[in-house]
Amino acid sequence: MTNREPHPHDHGPADHGHSHAHGAAHPHHHPVAAPAQPPAATTSLLMRSALARLVAAAALIALLWAAVAWSLSGTP
């Protein structure tokens, strides 16, 4: 029996989501798996170069010192 010949029985929802009457011709379509995708690029600072980590650390230190200077200035 090929996929294009009439089926001798019903296919219930467990088979492929619908059923048909006895003897109904129905080609079977099976989903094709999607090709594997490469993993997404990580944005972790620890995965960056040494120069990028150094620049980020300097920027964080400058931001913290700016926050300290602002808090000591007495401006709301």
PDB file of N, CA and C in Angstrom:
ATOM      1  N   MET A   1       0.853  -1.171   0.000  1.00  0.00           N
ATOM      2  CA  MET A   1       0.000   0.000   0.000  1.00  0.00           C
ATOM      3  C   MET A   1       0.897   1.231   0.000  1.00  0.00           C
ATOM      4  N   THR A   2       0.607   2.205  -0.831  1.00  0.00           N
ATOM      5  CA  THR A   2       1.347   3.463  -0.852  1.00  0.00           C
ATOM      6  C   THR A   2       0.557   4.517  -0.114  1.00  0.00           C
ATOM      7  N   ASN A   3       1.142   5.690   0.081  1.00  0.00           N
ATOM      8  CA  ASN A   3       0.462   6.776   0.779  1.00  0.00           C
ATOM      9  C   ASN A   3      -0.739   7.300   0.008  1.00  0.00           C
ATOM     10  N   ARG A   4      -0.814   7.074  -1.279  1.00  0.00           N
ATOM     11  CA  ARG A   4      -1.899   7.613  -2.080  1.00  0.00           C
ATOM     12  C   ARG A   4      -3.082   6.640  -2.195  1.00  0.00           C
ATOM     13  N   GLU A   5      -2.925   5.410  -1.726  1.00  0.00           N
ATOM     14  CA  GLU A   5      -4.032   4.454  -1.778  1.00  0.00           C
ATOM     15  C   GLU A   5      -4.996   4.745  -0.635  1.00  0.00           C
ATOM     16  N   PRO A   6      -6.262   4.336  -0.779  1.00  0.00           N
ATOM     17  CA  PRO A   6      -7.234   4.547   0.308  1.00  0.00           C
ATOM     18  C   PRO A   6      -6.798   3.828   1.576  1.00  0.00           C
ATOM     19  N   HIS A   7      -7.085   4.456   2.711  1.00  0.00           N
ATOM     20  CA  HIS A   7      -6.759   3.867   4.004  1.00  0.00           C
ATOM     21  C   HIS A   7      -7.886   2.935   4.430  1.00  0.00           C
ATOM     22  N   PRO A   8      -7.555   1.801   5.011  1.00  0.00           N
ATOM     23  CA  PRO A   8      -8.611   0.897   5.478  1.00  0.00           C
ATOM     24  C   PRO A   8      -9.162   1.278   6.850  1.00  0.00           C
ATOM     25  N   HIS A   9      -8.701   2.358   7.469  1.00  0.00           N
ATOM     26  CA  HIS A   9      -9.164   2.722   8.812  1.00  0.00           C
ATOM     27  C   HIS A   9      -9.055   4.234   9.010  1.00  0.00           C
ATOM     28  N   ASP A  10      -9.720   4.715  10.070  1.00  0.00           N
ATOM     29  CA  ASP A  10      -9.647   6.134  10.440  1.00  0.00           C
ATOM     30  C   ASP A  10      -8.327   6.416  11.146  1.00  0.00           C
ATOM     31  N   HIS A  11      -7.887   7.651  10.979  1.00  0.00           N
ATOM     32  CA  HIS A  11      -6.748   8.129  11.764  1.00  0.00           C
ATOM     33  C   HIS A  11      -7.312   9.122  12.760  1.00  0.00           C
ATOM     34  N   GLY A  12      -7.117   8.849  14.037  1.00  0.00           N
ATOM     35  CA  GLY A  12      -7.650   9.733  15.068  1.00  0.00           C
ATOM     36  C   GLY A  12      -6.739  10.918  15.297  1.00  0.00           C
ATOM     37  N   PRO A  13      -7.115  11.784  16.221  1.00  0.00           N
ATOM     38  CA  PRO A  13      -6.327  12.978  16.514  1.00  0.00           C
ATOM     39  C   PRO A  13      -4.898  12.670  16.950  1.00  0.00           C
ATOM     40  N   ALA A  14      -4.654  11.510  17.516  1.00  0.00           N
ATOM     41  CA  ALA A  14      -3.300  11.192  17.961  1.00  0.00           C
ATOM     42  C   ALA A  14      -2.350  11.025  16.774  1.00  0.00           C
ATOM     43  N   ASP A  15      -2.883  10.727  15.585  1.00  0.00           N
ATOM     44  CA  ASP A  15      -2.013  10.497  14.429  1.00  0.00           C
ATOM     45  C   ASP A  15      -1.535  11.805  13.819  1.00  0.00           C
ATOM     46  N   HIS A  16      -2.443  12.643  13.347  1.00  0.00           N
ATOM     47  CA  HIS A  16      -2.028  13.925  12.792  1.00  0.00           C
ATOM     48  C   HIS A  16      -3.124  14.983  12.865  1.00  0.00           C
ATOM     49  N   GLY A  17      -3.882  14.982  13.922  1.00  0.00           N
ATOM     50  CA  GLY A  17      -4.766  16.092  14.211  1.00  0.00           C
ATOM     51  C   GLY A  17      -6.123  16.083  13.529  1.00  0.00           C
ATOM     52  N   HIS A  18      -6.422  15.127  12.688  1.00  0.00           N
ATOM     53  CA  HIS A  18      -7.752  15.048  12.094  1.00  0.00           C
ATOM     54  C   HIS A  18      -8.032  13.613  11.689  1.00  0.00           C
ATOM     55  N   SER A  19      -9.311  13.326  11.454  1.00  0.00           N
ATOM     56  CA  SER A  19      -9.662  11.974  11.037  1.00  0.00           C
ATOM     57  C   SER A  19     -10.440  12.048   9.733  1.00  0.00           C
ATOM     58  N   HIS A  20     -10.486  10.932   9.020  1.00  0.00           N
ATOM     59  CA  HIS A  20     -11.258  10.888   7.797  1.00  0.00           C
ATOM     60  C   HIS A  20     -12.030   9.588   7.729  1.00  0.00           C
ATOM     61  N   ALA A  21     -12.979   9.568   6.829  1.00  0.00           N
ATOM     62  CA  ALA A  21     -13.842   8.396   6.693  1.00  0.00           C
ATOM     63  C   ALA A  21     -13.043   7.230   6.137  1.00  0.00           C
ATOM     64  N   HIS A  22     -13.595   6.025   6.304  1.00  0.00           N
ATOM     65  CA  HIS A  22     -12.953   4.833   5.757  1.00  0.00           C
ATOM     66  C   HIS A  22     -12.791   4.979   4.249  1.00  0.00           C
ATOM     67  N   GLY A  23     -11.603   4.623   3.760  1.00  0.00           N
ATOM     68  CA  GLY A  23     -11.371   4.612   2.332  1.00  0.00           C
ATOM     69  C   GLY A  23     -11.008   5.966   1.745  1.00  0.00           C
ATOM     70  N   ALA A  24     -10.861   6.983   2.548  1.00  0.00           N
ATOM     71  CA  ALA A  24     -10.521   8.307   2.020  1.00  0.00           C
ATOM     72  C   ALA A  24      -9.043   8.334   1.643  1.00  0.00           C
ATOM     73  N   ALA A  25      -8.742   8.846   0.460  1.00  0.00           N
ATOM     74  CA  ALA A  25      -7.352   8.954   0.026  1.00  0.00           C
ATOM     75  C   ALA A  25      -6.726  10.168   0.695  1.00  0.00           C
ATOM     76  N   HIS A  26      -5.513  10.009   1.193  1.00  0.00           N
ATOM     77  CA  HIS A  26      -4.868  11.109   1.911  1.00  0.00           C
ATOM     78  C   HIS A  26      -3.364  10.928   1.864  1.00  0.00           C
ATOM     79  N   PRO A  27      -2.634  11.860   1.263  1.00  0.00           N
ATOM     80  CA  PRO A  27      -1.171  11.772   1.322  1.00  0.00           C
ATOM     81  C   PRO A  27      -0.680  12.169   2.709  1.00  0.00           C
ATOM     82  N   HIS A  28       0.288  11.475   3.191  1.00  0.00           N
ATOM     83  CA  HIS A  28       0.825  11.781   4.517  1.00  0.00           C
ATOM     84  C   HIS A  28       1.941  12.792   4.393  1.00  0.00           C
ATOM     85  N   HIS A  29       1.837  13.858   5.161  1.00  0.00           N
ATOM     86  CA  HIS A  29       2.856  14.896   5.184  1.00  0.00           C
ATOM     87  C   HIS A  29       3.479  14.902   6.566  1.00  0.00           C
ATOM     88  N   HIS A  30       4.745  14.665   6.609  1.00  0.00           N
ATOM     89  CA  HIS A  30       5.447  14.674   7.891  1.00  0.00           C
ATOM     90  C   HIS A  30       6.301  15.928   7.964  1.00  0.00           C
ATOM     91  N   PRO A  31       6.292  16.620   9.115  1.00  0.00           N
ATOM     92  CA  PRO A  31       7.071  17.855   9.232  1.00  0.00           C
ATOM     93  C   PRO A  31       8.566  17.570   9.085  1.00  0.00           C
ATOM     94  N   VAL A  32       9.238  18.485   8.442  1.00  0.00           N
ATOM     95  CA  VAL A  32      10.681  18.380   8.268  1.00  0.00           C
ATOM     96  C   VAL A  32      11.339  19.190   9.374  1.00  0.00           C
ATOM     97  N   ALA A  33      12.327  18.606  10.010  1.00  0.00           N
ATOM     98  CA  ALA A  33      13.017  19.297  11.111  1.00  0.00           C
ATOM     99  C   ALA A  33      13.760  20.513  10.571  1.00  0.00           C
ATOM    100  N   ALA A  34      13.688  21.590  11.315  1.00  0.00           N
ATOM    101  CA  ALA A  34      14.386  22.821  10.932  1.00  0.00           C
ATOM    102  C   ALA A  34      15.894  22.610  11.079  1.00  0.00           C
ATOM    103  N   PRO A  35      16.688  23.234  10.217  1.00  0.00           N
ATOM    104  CA  PRO A  35      18.144  23.087  10.364  1.00  0.00           C
ATOM    105  C   PRO A  35      18.609  23.695  11.676  1.00  0.00           C
ATOM    106  N   ALA A  36      19.635  23.115  12.238  1.00  0.00           N
ATOM    107  CA  ALA A  36      20.156  23.586  13.525  1.00  0.00           C
ATOM    108  C   ALA A  36      20.719  24.997  13.374  1.00  0.00           C
ATOM    109  N   GLN A  37      20.368  25.853  14.316  1.00  0.00           N
ATOM    110  CA  GLN A  37      20.841  27.232  14.308  1.00  0.00           C
ATOM    111  C   GLN A  37      22.067  27.332  15.211  1.00  0.00           C
ATOM    112  N   PRO A  38      23.029  28.164  14.847  1.00  0.00           N
ATOM    113  CA  PRO A  38      24.179  28.348  15.748  1.00  0.00           C
ATOM    114  C   PRO A  38      23.720  29.052  17.018  1.00  0.00           C
ATOM    115  N   PRO A  39      24.394  28.826  18.134  1.00  0.00           N
ATOM    116  CA  PRO A  39      23.985  29.488  19.371  1.00  0.00           C
ATOM    117  C   PRO A  39      24.082  31.007  19.242  1.00  0.00           C
ATOM    118  N   ALA A  40      23.197  31.672  19.952  1.00  0.00           N
ATOM    119  CA  ALA A  40      23.173  33.140  19.911  1.00  0.00           C
ATOM    120  C   ALA A  40      24.473  33.696  20.485  1.00  0.00           C
ATOM    121  N   ALA A  41      24.884  34.830  19.977  1.00  0.00           N
ATOM    122  CA  ALA A  41      26.105  35.475  20.463  1.00  0.00           C
ATOM    123  C   ALA A  41      25.901  35.910  21.911  1.00  0.00           C
ATOM    124  N   THR A  42      26.872  35.635  22.735  1.00  0.00           N
ATOM    125  CA  THR A  42      26.763  36.014  24.144  1.00  0.00           C
ATOM    126  C   THR A  42      27.167  37.464  24.312  1.00  0.00           C
ATOM    127  N   THR A  43      26.499  38.132  25.217  1.00  0.00           N
ATOM    128  CA  THR A  43      26.809  39.534  25.471  1.00  0.00           C
ATOM    129  C   THR A  43      27.466  39.713  26.838  1.00  0.00           C
ATOM    130  N   SER A  44      27.932  38.631  27.416  1.00  0.00           N
ATOM    131  CA  SER A  44      28.581  38.708  28.712  1.00  0.00           C
ATOM    132  C   SER A  44      29.902  39.470  28.598  1.00  0.00           C
ATOM    133  N   LEU A  45      30.154  40.338  29.542  1.00  0.00           N
ATOM    134  CA  LEU A  45      31.409  41.105  29.548  1.00  0.00           C
ATOM    135  C   LEU A  45      32.608  40.187  29.775  1.00  0.00           C
ATOM    136  N   LEU A  46      32.383  39.072  30.471  1.00  0.00           N
ATOM    137  CA  LEU A  46      33.479  38.143  30.738  1.00  0.00           C
ATOM    138  C   LEU A  46      33.951  37.430  29.478  1.00  0.00           C
ATOM    139  N   MET A  47      33.117  37.412  28.427  1.00  0.00           N
ATOM    140  CA  MET A  47      33.485  36.759  27.178  1.00  0.00           C
ATOM    141  C   MET A  47      34.150  37.730  26.202  1.00  0.00           C
ATOM    142  N   ARG A  48      34.304  38.974  26.586  1.00  0.00           N
ATOM    143  CA  ARG A  48      34.909  39.987  25.719  1.00  0.00           C
ATOM    144  C   ARG A  48      36.425  39.993  25.867  1.00  0.00           C
ATOM    145  N   SER A  49      37.075  40.821  25.072  1.00  0.00           N
ATOM    146  CA  SER A  49      38.538  40.920  25.127  1.00  0.00           C
ATOM    147  C   SER A  49      38.966  41.629  26.408  1.00  0.00           C
ATOM    148  N   ALA A  50      40.259  41.535  26.705  1.00  0.00           N
ATOM    149  CA  ALA A  50      40.806  42.185  27.896  1.00  0.00           C
ATOM    150  C   ALA A  50      40.644  43.700  27.814  1.00  0.00           C
ATOM    151  N   LEU A  51      40.824  44.264  26.625  1.00  0.00           N
ATOM    152  CA  LEU A  51      40.671  45.712  26.461  1.00  0.00           C
ATOM    153  C   LEU A  51      39.230  46.145  26.738  1.00  0.00           C
ATOM    154  N   ALA A  52      38.264  45.389  26.245  1.00  0.00           N
ATOM    155  CA  ALA A  52      36.862  45.733  26.486  1.00  0.00           C
ATOM    156  C   ALA A  52      36.531  45.640  27.973  1.00  0.00           C
ATOM    157  N   ARG A  53      37.058  44.633  28.661  1.00  0.00           N
ATOM    158  CA  ARG A  53      36.819  44.514  30.102  1.00  0.00           C
ATOM    159  C   ARG A  53      37.466  45.659  30.865  1.00  0.00           C
ATOM    160  N   LEU A  54      38.656  46.078  30.449  1.00  0.00           N
ATOM    161  CA  LEU A  54      39.344  47.195  31.094  1.00  0.00           C
ATOM    162  C   LEU A  54      38.573  48.495  30.902  1.00  0.00           C
ATOM    163  N   VAL A  55      38.089  48.739  29.705  1.00  0.00           N
ATOM    164  CA  VAL A  55      37.300  49.947  29.426  1.00  0.00           C
ATOM    165  C   VAL A  55      36.009  49.932  30.246  1.00  0.00           C
ATOM    166  N   ALA A  56      35.338  48.789  30.320  1.00  0.00           N
ATOM    167  CA  ALA A  56      34.100  48.691  31.096  1.00  0.00           C
ATOM    168  C   ALA A  56      34.369  48.923  32.580  1.00  0.00           C
ATOM    169  N   ALA A  57      35.465  48.385  33.100  1.00  0.00           N
ATOM    170  CA  ALA A  57      35.801  48.591  34.515  1.00  0.00           C
ATOM    171  C   ALA A  57      36.091  50.068  34.782  1.00  0.00           C
ATOM    172  N   ALA A  58      36.830  50.721  33.880  1.00  0.00           N
ATOM    173  CA  ALA A  58      37.134  52.149  34.050  1.00  0.00           C
ATOM    174  C   ALA A  58      35.852  52.980  33.990  1.00  0.00           C
ATOM    175  N   ALA A  59      34.949  52.642  33.102  1.00  0.00           N
ATOM    176  CA  ALA A  59      33.678  53.374  32.994  1.00  0.00           C
ATOM    177  C   ALA A  59      32.849  53.192  34.265  1.00  0.00           C
ATOM    178  N   LEU A  60      32.841  51.990  34.809  1.00  0.00           N
ATOM    179  CA  LEU A  60      32.088  51.734  36.039  1.00  0.00           C
ATOM    180  C   LEU A  60      32.683  52.508  37.214  1.00  0.00           C
ATOM    181  N   ILE A  61      34.008  52.530  37.311  1.00  0.00           N
ATOM    182  CA  ILE A  61      34.669  53.291  38.378  1.00  0.00           C
ATOM    183  C   ILE A  61      34.359  54.779  38.244  1.00  0.00           C
ATOM    184  N   ALA A  62      34.417  55.296  37.016  1.00  0.00           N
ATOM    185  CA  ALA A  62      34.115  56.716  36.792  1.00  0.00           C
ATOM    186  C   ALA A  62      32.663  57.018  37.159  1.00  0.00           C
ATOM    187  N   LEU A  63      31.751  56.124  36.825  1.00  0.00           N
ATOM    188  CA  LEU A  63      30.339  56.322  37.170  1.00  0.00           C
ATOM    189  C   LEU A  63      30.141  56.313  38.686  1.00  0.00           C
ATOM    190  N   LEU A  64      30.805  55.411  39.366  1.00  0.00           N
ATOM    191  CA  LEU A  64      30.680  55.357  40.827  1.00  0.00           C
ATOM    192  C   LEU A  64      31.268  56.611  41.479  1.00  0.00           C
ATOM    193  N   TRP A  65      32.418  57.084  40.984  1.00  0.00           N
ATOM    194  CA  TRP A  65      32.997  58.309  41.539  1.00  0.00           C
ATOM    195  C   TRP A  65      32.101  59.508  41.249  1.00  0.00           C
ATOM    196  N   ALA A  66      31.474  59.540  40.110  1.00  0.00           N
ATOM    197  CA  ALA A  66      30.544  60.630  39.793  1.00  0.00           C
ATOM    198  C   ALA A  66      29.339  60.609  40.738  1.00  0.00           C
ATOM    199  N   ALA A  67      28.883  59.399  41.074  1.00  0.00           N
ATOM    200  CA  ALA A  67      27.753  59.268  42.015  1.00  0.00           C
ATOM    201  C   ALA A  67      28.168  59.733  43.416  1.00  0.00           C
ATOM    202  N   VAL A  68      29.373  59.392  43.816  1.00  0.00           N
ATOM    203  CA  VAL A  68      29.867  59.823  45.122  1.00  0.00           C
ATOM    204  C   VAL A  68      30.003  61.359  45.148  1.00  0.00           C
ATOM    205  N   ALA A  69      30.583  61.935  44.116  1.00  0.00           N
ATOM    206  CA  ALA A  69      30.754  63.392  44.044  1.00  0.00           C
ATOM    207  C   ALA A  69      29.390  64.081  44.043  1.00  0.00           C
ATOM    208  N   TRP A  70      28.412  63.544  43.329  1.00  0.00           N
ATOM    209  CA  TRP A  70      27.082  64.133  43.289  1.00  0.00           C
ATOM    210  C   TRP A  70      26.422  64.057  44.659  1.00  0.00           C
ATOM    211  N   SER A  71      26.577  62.904  45.352  1.00  0.00           N
ATOM    212  CA  SER A  71      25.943  62.779  46.662  1.00  0.00           C
ATOM    213  C   SER A  71      26.585  63.695  47.705  1.00  0.00           C
ATOM    214  N   LEU A  72      27.887  63.972  47.580  1.00  0.00           N
ATOM    215  CA  LEU A  72      28.563  64.851  48.545  1.00  0.00           C
ATOM    216  C   LEU A  72      28.344  66.336  48.224  1.00  0.00           C
ATOM    217  N   SER A  73      27.888  66.629  47.014  1.00  0.00           N
ATOM    218  CA  SER A  73      27.709  68.038  46.633  1.00  0.00           C
ATOM    219  C   SER A  73      26.495  68.663  47.289  1.00  0.00           C
ATOM    220  N   GLY A  74      25.564  67.865  47.751  1.00  0.00           N
ATOM    221  CA  GLY A  74      24.374  68.393  48.414  1.00  0.00           C
ATOM    222  C   GLY A  74      23.261  68.782  47.455  1.00  0.00           C
ATOM    223  N   THR A  75      23.396  68.513  46.182  1.00  0.00           N
ATOM    224  CA  THR A  75      22.305  68.811  45.227  1.00  0.00           C
ATOM    225  C   THR A  75      21.303  67.664  45.242  1.00  0.00           C
ATOM    226  N   PRO A  76      20.034  68.039  45.278  1.00  0.00           N
ATOM    227  CA  PRO A  76      19.008  66.968  45.293  1.00  0.00           C
ATOM    228  C   PRO A  76      18.834  66.264  43.984  1.00  0.00           C
TER     229      PRO A  76
END
